[in-house]
């Protein structure tokens, strides 16, 4: 018997949804606790000049794996894909203390990208399955709560463990959190109506399966706005040190708390007022955040810019995913979500690489490194305003045609 799609007034936040949020929390803690400390760890290994590769390699693999995770999410199921992503985190976290050369570390960062290439794709598809389209932004915003909480606590915890104990303990705690995420996922029910058994034939990706064409506009906005995340992930530890903020995870905590505060409101607003208008405000907030970071010379300015950036990311995350699902066919949800995530990885990876190249470990270059993502966010806002103008014109034309027919 085919399960009917959820109605507009059907509740989505049940025990299963709460379990998934908690799994997201542990997964997010697992990989985010490393982020502020990895530049220092790589420097300790003798690879200071490769800081830009820490995020770039991770996101490169995540981007490469998206077409596969999208297809498997739509065929094998949401839950198996989420489990695989979390298991990658377990394995990689346990290997960091073993692979202690620069080349070994960079290779491991590359394969660690499988984790975010798989789990978030299936998680977003799951969230779209359990809610009516009129509440899609709200549900995807709620689903991201656990992930956002983990992203705020993880960096603080990771920096605390390194400052008071060791890098290795941080890696082991990371593995433990990822293992907890896996255990929880075994208790979550599958939402794909007719999941297939995995076979290697499913790993053959045709050209049409790499990217869902309906997702082109959400993907462009995601790329332009996520460039700034790559810049911040790479440079904020050094910026924090330069202004006297020695717990490098504090920037991420402020950023993710702000993202959490705005996320639910943004999701509901995009359901009510439209995806594009929310994204316009998100782009404007990112412009402001990057402008502040370019000239930040105090802890207050760094914290304020982190909060504004958090507001931007909290608005655009669930809104862009909801927009992509709005535009695609129901059977292609995994592929559509994966397409937008590919743009995310390209944005973050290129931001990390280019900012590292601009920065060159010279504090005076920070102003230029943060100015570039500000300009890209401004471009995003211009494109969105243009699309909104075209949408209004199209609706007016449709209304006039309907009026002519009735006459």
Protein backbone atom coordinates (compact mmCIF):
# COMPACT_ATOMS: atom_id res chain seq x y z
CA UNK A 1 0.00 0.00 0.00
CA UNK A 2 1.45 3.37 -1.05
CA UNK A 3 1.83 5.86 1.77
CA UNK A 4 -0.08 9.10 1.20
CA UNK A 5 1.91 12.38 1.28
CA UNK A 6 1.57 14.41 4.49
CA UNK A 7 -1.24 16.97 4.71
CA UNK A 8 -0.70 20.68 5.47
CA UNK A 9 -1.77 20.33 9.12
CA UNK A 10 0.00 17.01 9.81
CA UNK A 11 2.64 17.28 12.58
CA UNK A 12 6.17 16.44 11.52
CA UNK A 13 8.07 16.87 14.79
CA UNK A 14 7.68 13.42 16.38
CA UNK A 15 10.02 11.02 18.18
CA UNK A 16 11.63 9.90 14.90
CA UNK A 17 12.27 13.50 13.85
CA UNK A 18 13.76 14.26 17.27
CA UNK A 19 16.09 11.25 16.97
CA UNK A 20 17.29 12.51 13.61
CA UNK A 21 17.92 15.97 15.08
CA UNK A 22 20.02 14.38 17.86
CA UNK A 23 21.93 12.30 15.30
CA UNK A 24 22.60 15.53 13.38
CA UNK A 25 23.86 17.12 16.59
CA UNK A 26 26.42 14.37 17.27
CA UNK A 27 27.52 14.26 13.63
CA UNK A 28 28.02 18.03 13.61
CA UNK A 29 29.98 17.99 16.89
CA UNK A 30 32.19 15.23 15.48
CA UNK A 31 33.59 17.11 12.50
CA UNK A 32 33.13 20.74 13.61
CA UNK A 33 35.19 20.37 16.81
CA UNK A 34 38.30 19.94 14.67
CA UNK A 35 37.86 22.96 12.41
CA UNK A 36 39.39 25.75 14.55
CA UNK A 37 42.33 23.59 15.64
CA UNK A 38 43.35 21.93 12.37
CA UNK A 39 45.35 24.94 11.06
CA UNK A 40 47.47 24.83 14.22
CA UNK A 41 47.75 21.03 14.01
CA UNK A 42 48.93 21.20 10.39
CA UNK A 43 51.46 23.88 11.34
CA UNK A 44 52.72 21.55 14.08
CA UNK A 45 53.18 18.82 11.46
CA UNK A 46 55.21 21.25 9.33
CA UNK A 47 52.59 22.15 6.73
CA UNK A 48 51.70 25.77 7.58
CA UNK A 49 51.70 26.74 3.89
CA UNK A 50 48.93 24.23 3.16
CA UNK A 51 46.28 25.74 5.45
CA UNK A 52 44.01 26.52 2.50
CA UNK A 53 43.88 22.80 1.65
CA UNK A 54 42.38 21.81 5.02
CA UNK A 55 38.90 22.88 3.94
CA UNK A 56 39.46 22.71 0.17
CA UNK A 57 40.33 18.99 0.09
CA UNK A 58 37.46 18.15 2.44
CA UNK A 59 34.93 19.99 0.29
CA UNK A 60 36.41 18.64 -2.95
CA UNK A 61 35.64 15.07 -1.93
CA UNK A 62 32.26 16.11 -0.57
CA UNK A 63 31.44 17.68 -3.93
CA UNK A 64 32.68 14.66 -5.91
CA UNK A 65 30.55 12.32 -3.79
CA UNK A 66 27.31 14.35 -4.08
CA UNK A 67 26.03 12.80 -7.35
CA UNK A 68 26.52 9.35 -5.81
CA UNK A 69 24.87 10.26 -2.51
CA UNK A 70 21.98 11.90 -4.38
CA UNK A 71 21.35 8.82 -6.52
CA UNK A 72 21.70 6.40 -3.59
CA UNK A 73 19.38 8.55 -1.46
CA UNK A 74 16.70 8.23 -4.17
CA UNK A 75 17.24 4.48 -4.68
CA UNK A 76 18.72 2.69 -1.64
CA UNK A 77 17.14 5.01 0.91
CA UNK A 78 17.72 7.98 3.18
CA UNK A 79 18.86 6.09 6.30
CA UNK A 80 21.63 3.89 4.77
CA UNK A 81 23.21 6.96 3.15
CA UNK A 82 23.14 8.84 6.48
CA UNK A 83 24.72 5.87 8.27
CA UNK A 84 27.55 5.67 5.73
CA UNK A 85 28.31 9.38 6.13
CA UNK A 86 28.57 9.07 9.91
CA UNK A 87 30.73 5.93 9.70
CA UNK A 88 33.25 7.85 7.58
CA UNK A 89 33.57 10.35 10.43
CA UNK A 90 34.26 7.52 12.89
CA UNK A 91 37.00 6.00 10.72
CA UNK A 92 38.73 9.28 9.82
CA UNK A 93 38.72 10.62 13.39
CA UNK A 94 40.46 7.44 14.57
CA UNK A 95 43.07 7.71 11.80
CA UNK A 96 44.21 11.31 12.46
CA UNK A 97 46.47 10.27 15.41
CA UNK A 98 48.02 7.55 13.21
CA UNK A 99 48.67 9.45 9.95
CA UNK A 100 50.98 12.13 11.38
CA UNK A 101 52.77 13.31 8.23
CA UNK A 102 51.65 16.34 6.20
CA UNK A 103 50.81 14.17 3.18
CA UNK A 104 48.97 11.63 5.36
CA UNK A 105 46.96 14.38 7.02
CA UNK A 106 45.98 15.97 3.70
CA UNK A 107 44.99 12.58 2.25
CA UNK A 108 42.83 11.94 5.29
CA UNK A 109 41.16 15.36 4.98
CA UNK A 110 40.30 14.47 1.39
CA UNK A 111 38.57 11.20 2.35
CA UNK A 112 36.91 12.78 5.40
CA UNK A 113 34.85 14.80 2.89
CA UNK A 114 32.79 11.66 2.16
CA UNK A 115 31.02 12.30 5.47
CA UNK A 116 29.38 15.61 4.57
CA UNK A 117 29.00 14.44 0.98
CA UNK A 118 26.55 11.77 2.14
CA UNK A 119 24.81 12.52 5.44
CA UNK A 120 23.38 16.05 4.83
CA UNK A 121 22.07 15.05 1.39
CA UNK A 122 19.98 12.20 2.77
CA UNK A 123 18.97 14.21 5.84
CA UNK A 124 17.47 17.04 3.76
CA UNK A 125 15.61 14.54 1.55
CA UNK A 126 14.23 12.90 4.70
CA UNK A 127 13.01 16.28 5.97
CA UNK A 128 11.23 16.97 2.67
CA UNK A 129 9.53 13.54 2.85
CA UNK A 130 7.81 14.05 6.19
CA UNK A 131 6.16 17.44 5.68
CA UNK A 132 3.67 19.11 3.37
CA UNK A 133 5.20 21.48 0.80
CA UNK A 134 3.54 24.50 2.47
CA UNK A 135 5.71 23.91 5.59
CA UNK A 136 8.86 22.66 3.89
CA UNK A 137 11.06 25.61 4.86
CA UNK A 138 9.92 25.35 8.48
CA UNK A 139 10.66 21.61 8.67
CA UNK A 140 14.09 21.86 7.08
CA UNK A 141 14.90 24.71 9.46
CA UNK A 142 13.81 22.59 12.43
CA UNK A 143 15.82 19.62 11.16
CA UNK A 144 18.95 21.77 11.09
CA UNK A 145 18.63 22.71 14.78
CA UNK A 146 20.67 19.72 15.95
CA UNK A 147 23.31 20.36 13.29
CA UNK A 148 23.56 24.03 14.24
CA UNK A 149 23.79 23.31 17.97
CA UNK A 150 26.57 20.84 17.28
CA UNK A 151 28.39 23.43 15.18
CA UNK A 152 28.29 25.88 18.09
CA UNK A 153 29.35 23.45 20.81
CA UNK A 154 31.84 21.40 18.78
CA UNK A 155 34.45 24.11 18.06
CA UNK A 156 34.38 25.32 21.67
CA UNK A 157 34.82 21.75 22.92
CA UNK A 158 37.55 20.99 20.42
CA UNK A 159 39.57 24.06 21.40
CA UNK A 160 39.06 23.25 25.10
CA UNK A 161 40.36 19.70 24.64
CA UNK A 162 43.45 20.87 22.73
CA UNK A 163 44.22 23.73 25.15
CA UNK A 164 43.89 21.51 28.24
CA UNK A 165 44.74 18.00 27.01
CA UNK A 166 45.87 17.07 23.49
CA UNK A 167 44.99 16.93 19.81
CA UNK A 168 44.66 13.15 20.01
CA UNK A 169 41.99 13.32 22.72
CA UNK A 170 40.03 15.72 20.50
CA UNK A 171 40.19 13.19 17.64
CA UNK A 172 39.01 10.32 19.89
CA UNK A 173 36.09 12.36 21.26
CA UNK A 174 35.18 13.23 17.67
CA UNK A 175 35.08 9.52 16.76
CA UNK A 176 32.91 8.76 19.79
CA UNK A 177 30.36 11.42 18.82
CA UNK A 178 30.17 10.09 15.25
CA UNK A 179 29.65 6.57 16.58
CA UNK A 180 26.74 7.84 18.67
CA UNK A 181 25.22 9.35 15.53
CA UNK A 182 25.41 5.95 13.80
CA UNK A 183 23.75 4.12 16.70
CA UNK A 184 20.83 6.56 16.69
CA UNK A 185 20.34 6.22 12.93
CA UNK A 186 19.74 2.47 13.29
CA UNK A 187 16.55 3.39 15.17
CA UNK A 188 15.12 5.70 12.49
CA UNK A 189 12.47 4.49 10.03
CA UNK A 190 13.08 4.79 6.30
CA UNK A 191 10.88 7.29 4.40
CA UNK A 192 11.71 6.30 0.80
CA UNK A 193 8.60 4.41 -0.42
CA UNK A 194 10.31 1.51 -2.24
CA UNK A 195 14.02 1.30 -1.35
CA UNK A 196 16.24 -0.93 -3.47
CA UNK A 197 19.00 -3.24 -2.29
CA UNK A 198 22.45 -1.70 -2.83
CA UNK A 199 24.39 -2.89 -5.85
CA UNK A 200 27.55 -1.54 -7.44
CA UNK A 201 25.57 -0.88 -10.61
CA UNK A 202 23.92 2.01 -8.75
CA UNK A 203 27.31 3.73 -8.60
CA UNK A 204 27.27 4.27 -12.35
CA UNK A 205 26.37 7.92 -12.78
CA UNK A 206 25.02 9.17 -16.11
CA UNK A 207 25.59 12.79 -17.15
CA UNK A 208 21.95 13.62 -16.44
CA UNK A 209 22.34 12.33 -12.86
CA UNK A 210 25.26 14.59 -11.91
CA UNK A 211 23.23 17.78 -11.58
CA UNK A 212 19.50 18.47 -11.47
CA UNK A 213 18.83 21.32 -13.92
CA UNK A 214 15.84 22.57 -11.94
CA UNK A 215 18.24 23.51 -9.11
CA UNK A 216 20.38 25.94 -11.10
CA UNK A 217 19.20 29.16 -9.40
CA UNK A 218 19.40 27.86 -5.81
CA UNK A 219 22.81 26.41 -6.66
CA UNK A 220 24.16 29.73 -7.97
CA UNK A 221 23.08 31.55 -4.81
CA UNK A 222 24.52 28.77 -2.63
CA UNK A 223 27.89 28.99 -4.36
CA UNK A 224 28.11 32.78 -4.10
CA UNK A 225 27.15 32.88 -0.42
CA UNK A 226 29.16 29.83 0.68
CA UNK A 227 32.41 31.22 -0.70
CA UNK A 228 32.47 33.29 2.49
CA UNK A 229 32.24 30.15 4.66
CA UNK A 230 35.40 28.76 3.07
CA UNK A 231 37.16 32.06 3.74
CA UNK A 232 36.03 32.18 7.36
CA UNK A 233 36.85 28.52 8.09
CA UNK A 234 40.38 29.11 6.81
CA UNK A 235 41.17 32.55 8.23
CA UNK A 236 39.08 33.10 11.37
CA UNK A 237 41.50 31.15 13.64
CA UNK A 238 44.34 33.55 12.68
CA UNK A 239 42.00 36.57 12.85
CA UNK A 240 40.84 35.51 16.33
CA UNK A 241 44.45 35.23 17.52
CA UNK A 242 45.31 38.64 16.07
CA UNK A 243 42.61 40.41 18.13
CA UNK A 244 43.39 38.47 21.34
CA UNK A 245 40.56 35.86 21.21
CA UNK A 246 42.58 32.78 22.13
CA UNK A 247 39.77 30.20 22.14
CA UNK A 248 39.51 29.91 18.36
CA UNK A 249 36.20 28.09 18.64
CA UNK A 250 34.45 31.15 20.10
CA UNK A 251 34.00 32.71 16.65
CA UNK A 252 32.18 29.56 15.45
CA UNK A 253 30.06 29.45 18.59
CA UNK A 254 28.81 33.02 18.06
CA UNK A 255 28.24 32.35 14.36
CA UNK A 256 26.26 29.15 14.90
CA UNK A 257 24.20 30.45 17.83
CA UNK A 258 23.07 33.37 15.66
CA UNK A 259 22.32 30.89 12.87
CA UNK A 260 20.23 28.81 15.28
CA UNK A 261 18.24 31.81 16.52
CA UNK A 262 17.20 32.87 13.02
CA UNK A 263 16.78 29.43 11.40
CA UNK A 264 13.22 28.56 12.41
CA UNK A 265 11.94 32.06 11.78
CA UNK A 266 13.61 32.14 8.36
CA UNK A 267 12.13 28.78 7.38
CA UNK A 268 8.60 29.89 8.24
CA UNK A 269 9.15 33.26 6.56
CA UNK A 270 10.23 31.62 3.32
CA UNK A 271 7.06 29.49 3.39
CA UNK A 272 4.95 32.60 3.92
CA UNK A 273 6.65 35.33 1.89
CA UNK A 274 8.67 33.33 -0.64
CA UNK A 275 12.17 31.90 -0.92
CA UNK A 276 13.69 34.75 -2.96
CA UNK A 277 12.82 37.60 -0.59
CA UNK A 278 14.39 35.77 2.38
CA UNK A 279 17.52 35.09 0.31
CA UNK A 280 17.81 38.78 -0.60
CA UNK A 281 17.99 39.68 3.10
CA UNK A 282 20.43 36.80 3.64
CA UNK A 283 22.74 38.16 0.93
CA UNK A 284 22.59 41.65 2.39
CA UNK A 285 23.54 40.30 5.83
CA UNK A 286 26.52 38.46 4.32
CA UNK A 287 27.73 41.66 2.64
CA UNK A 288 27.60 43.43 6.01
CA UNK A 289 29.41 40.58 7.81
CA UNK A 290 32.27 40.46 5.30
CA UNK A 291 32.62 44.25 5.35
CA UNK A 292 32.98 44.15 9.14
CA UNK A 293 35.50 41.29 9.03
CA UNK A 294 37.62 43.16 6.49
CA UNK A 295 38.31 45.90 9.04
CA UNK A 296 37.91 43.98 12.33
CA UNK A 297 40.50 45.08 14.89
CA UNK A 298 38.80 44.13 18.16
CA UNK A 299 37.10 41.14 19.76
CA UNK A 300 33.76 42.97 19.66
CA UNK A 301 33.97 43.54 15.90
CA UNK A 302 34.88 39.90 15.28
CA UNK A 303 31.98 38.65 17.44
CA UNK A 304 29.52 41.08 15.82
CA UNK A 305 30.56 39.99 12.31
CA UNK A 306 30.27 36.33 13.35
CA UNK A 307 26.71 36.93 14.57
CA UNK A 308 25.68 38.75 11.36
CA UNK A 309 27.20 36.01 9.25
CA UNK A 310 25.30 33.46 11.36
CA UNK A 311 22.04 35.27 10.62
CA UNK A 312 22.82 35.08 6.90
CA UNK A 313 23.68 31.37 6.89
CA UNK A 314 20.69 30.58 9.11
CA UNK A 315 18.42 32.25 6.57
CA UNK A 316 19.89 30.78 3.41
CA UNK A 317 20.44 27.15 4.50
CA UNK A 318 16.86 25.82 4.86
CA UNK A 319 15.50 28.34 2.34
CA UNK A 320 17.79 27.21 -0.48
CA UNK A 321 17.10 23.53 0.19
CA UNK A 322 13.35 24.15 0.30
CA UNK A 323 13.57 26.14 -2.94
CA UNK A 324 15.45 23.30 -4.67
CA UNK A 325 12.86 20.74 -3.52
CA UNK A 326 10.04 23.08 -4.63
CA UNK A 327 11.42 23.11 -8.18
CA UNK A 328 12.24 19.42 -8.63
CA UNK A 329 10.14 16.30 -9.21
CA UNK A 330 9.40 14.32 -6.00
CA UNK A 331 11.37 11.30 -7.23
CA UNK A 332 14.46 13.49 -7.75
CA UNK A 333 14.64 15.09 -4.30
CA UNK A 334 17.94 13.46 -3.43
CA UNK A 335 19.50 14.60 -6.70
CA UNK A 336 18.16 18.15 -6.37
CA UNK A 337 19.45 18.49 -2.81
CA UNK A 338 22.80 16.99 -3.86
CA UNK A 339 23.03 19.52 -6.71
CA UNK A 340 22.71 22.45 -4.30
CA UNK A 341 25.24 20.81 -1.97
CA UNK A 342 27.68 20.49 -4.88
CA UNK A 343 27.46 24.27 -5.24
CA UNK A 344 28.02 24.58 -1.49
CA UNK A 345 31.20 22.49 -1.71
CA UNK A 346 32.47 24.44 -4.72
CA UNK A 347 31.82 27.70 -2.86
CA UNK A 348 33.47 26.61 0.39
CA UNK A 349 36.40 24.90 -1.34
CA UNK A 350 37.19 27.79 -3.67
CA UNK A 351 36.78 30.24 -0.78
CA UNK A 352 39.30 28.29 1.28
CA UNK A 353 41.82 28.01 -1.55
CA UNK A 354 41.59 31.59 -2.81
CA UNK A 355 41.60 33.13 0.68
CA UNK A 356 44.69 31.09 1.62
CA UNK A 357 46.39 32.30 -1.56
CA UNK A 358 45.47 35.95 -0.84
CA UNK A 359 46.36 35.77 2.86
CA UNK A 360 49.86 34.22 2.56
CA UNK A 361 50.07 34.23 6.40
CA UNK A 362 50.28 38.06 6.34
CA UNK A 363 47.73 39.80 8.65
CA UNK A 364 47.70 42.88 6.40
CA UNK A 365 46.13 40.79 3.62
CA UNK A 366 43.03 39.87 5.66
CA UNK A 367 41.17 42.95 4.41
CA UNK A 368 41.48 41.75 0.80
CA UNK A 369 40.64 38.14 1.64
CA UNK A 370 37.35 39.13 3.30
CA UNK A 371 36.47 41.72 0.65
CA UNK A 372 36.15 39.07 -2.10
CA UNK A 373 33.28 37.11 -0.48
CA UNK A 374 31.57 40.42 0.31
CA UNK A 375 31.53 41.27 -3.40
CA UNK A 376 30.19 37.81 -4.28
CA UNK A 377 27.37 38.19 -1.74
CA UNK A 378 26.55 41.53 -3.34
CA UNK A 379 26.37 39.78 -6.72
CA UNK A 380 23.99 37.22 -5.20
CA UNK A 381 21.71 40.01 -4.01
CA UNK A 382 21.68 41.65 -7.46
CA UNK A 383 20.78 38.33 -9.15
CA UNK A 384 17.99 37.63 -6.64
CA UNK A 385 16.52 41.10 -7.10
CA UNK A 386 16.52 40.56 -10.84
CA UNK A 387 14.84 37.13 -10.51
CA UNK A 388 12.24 38.57 -8.15
CA UNK A 389 11.48 41.33 -10.66
CA UNK A 390 11.03 38.74 -13.43
CA UNK A 391 8.79 36.60 -11.19
CA UNK A 392 6.53 39.57 -10.46
CA UNK A 393 6.33 40.42 -14.16
CA UNK A 394 5.50 36.79 -15.01
CA UNK A 395 2.72 36.68 -12.41
CA UNK A 396 1.27 39.94 -13.73
CA UNK A 397 1.30 38.54 -17.27
CA UNK A 398 -0.47 35.38 -16.08
CA UNK A 399 -3.08 37.45 -14.25
CA UNK A 400 -3.72 39.57 -17.36
CA UNK A 401 -4.09 36.45 -19.53
CA UNK A 402 -6.54 34.94 -17.05
CA UNK A 403 -8.51 38.19 -16.99
CA UNK A 404 -8.65 38.26 -20.82
CA UNK A 405 -9.90 34.65 -20.89
CA UNK A 406 -12.63 35.39 -18.35
CA UNK A 407 -13.70 38.45 -20.29
